Protein backbone atom coordinates (compact mmCIF):
# COMPACT_ATOMS: atom_id res chain seq x y z
CA MET A 1 44.64 122.85 72.01
CA THR A 2 41.90 120.34 71.23
CA ASP A 3 44.46 117.57 70.66
CA PHE A 4 46.07 118.39 74.01
CA LEU A 5 42.77 118.16 75.86
CA VAL A 6 41.94 114.88 74.13
CA ALA A 7 45.36 113.51 75.14
CA ILE A 8 44.82 114.52 78.78
CA GLY A 9 41.37 112.92 78.67
CA LEU A 10 42.81 109.68 77.31
CA VAL A 11 45.43 109.59 80.06
CA LEU A 12 42.71 110.00 82.68
CA VAL A 13 40.56 107.28 81.10
CA ILE A 14 43.44 104.81 80.87
CA GLU A 15 44.59 105.48 84.44
CA GLY A 16 41.03 105.31 85.74
CA VAL A 17 40.38 101.97 84.06
CA LEU A 18 43.65 100.53 85.37
CA PHE A 19 42.94 101.67 88.94
CA ALA A 20 39.35 100.39 88.75
CA LEU A 21 40.21 96.98 87.32
CA LEU A 22 43.58 96.31 88.99
CA PRO A 23 43.85 98.32 92.22
CA GLY A 24 46.30 95.88 93.80
CA LYS A 25 48.66 95.97 90.83
CA ALA A 26 48.42 99.78 90.77
CA GLN A 27 49.46 99.91 94.43
CA GLU A 28 52.37 97.55 93.72
CA ALA A 29 53.48 99.74 90.82
CA MET A 30 53.37 102.87 92.99
CA ARG A 31 55.36 101.12 95.73
CA SER A 32 57.91 99.98 93.18
CA ALA A 33 58.22 103.50 91.74
CA ALA A 34 58.68 104.95 95.23
CA GLU A 35 61.56 102.54 95.86
CA THR A 36 63.27 103.17 92.51
CA PRO A 37 66.19 105.63 92.57
CA ALA A 38 65.43 109.09 91.19
CA ASP A 39 68.05 108.86 88.42
CA ILE A 40 66.45 105.68 87.07
CA LEU A 41 62.98 107.27 87.16
CA ARG A 42 64.37 110.29 85.31
CA ILE A 43 65.82 108.10 82.56
CA VAL A 44 62.60 106.08 82.24
CA GLY A 45 60.62 109.33 82.07
CA LEU A 46 62.84 110.79 79.35
CA VAL A 47 62.74 107.60 77.29
CA SER A 48 58.94 107.48 77.64
CA ALA A 49 58.63 111.12 76.57
CA VAL A 50 60.81 110.55 73.50
CA ALA A 51 58.86 107.40 72.61
CA GLY A 52 55.62 109.38 72.92
CA VAL A 53 56.91 112.10 70.60
CA ILE A 54 57.92 109.46 68.05
CA VAL A 55 54.49 107.81 68.22
CA ILE A 56 52.76 111.17 67.74
CA TRP A 57 55.05 112.08 64.85
CA ALA A 58 54.51 108.70 63.15
CA ALA A 59 50.75 108.85 63.62
CA ARG A 60 50.56 112.33 62.11
CA ARG A 61 53.03 111.49 59.35
CA PHE A 62 51.66 108.13 58.20
CA PHE A 63 48.03 108.00 59.34
CA ALA A 64 46.77 111.58 59.17
CA GLY A 65 44.29 112.27 56.39
């Protein structure tokens, strides 16, 4: 559960920094996402989720003490 809370915290930090430093680009990205068809967003989401699982697996496999 600790790892999960740390992950959520990191997401919030990264998003907060991006919105604070690049608010215009963040708005553009949201507009672009709103105009993208749902099936494309679904595919991008699934690919991102799989990539995230692979990164977590690799980090735990190769870099964990």
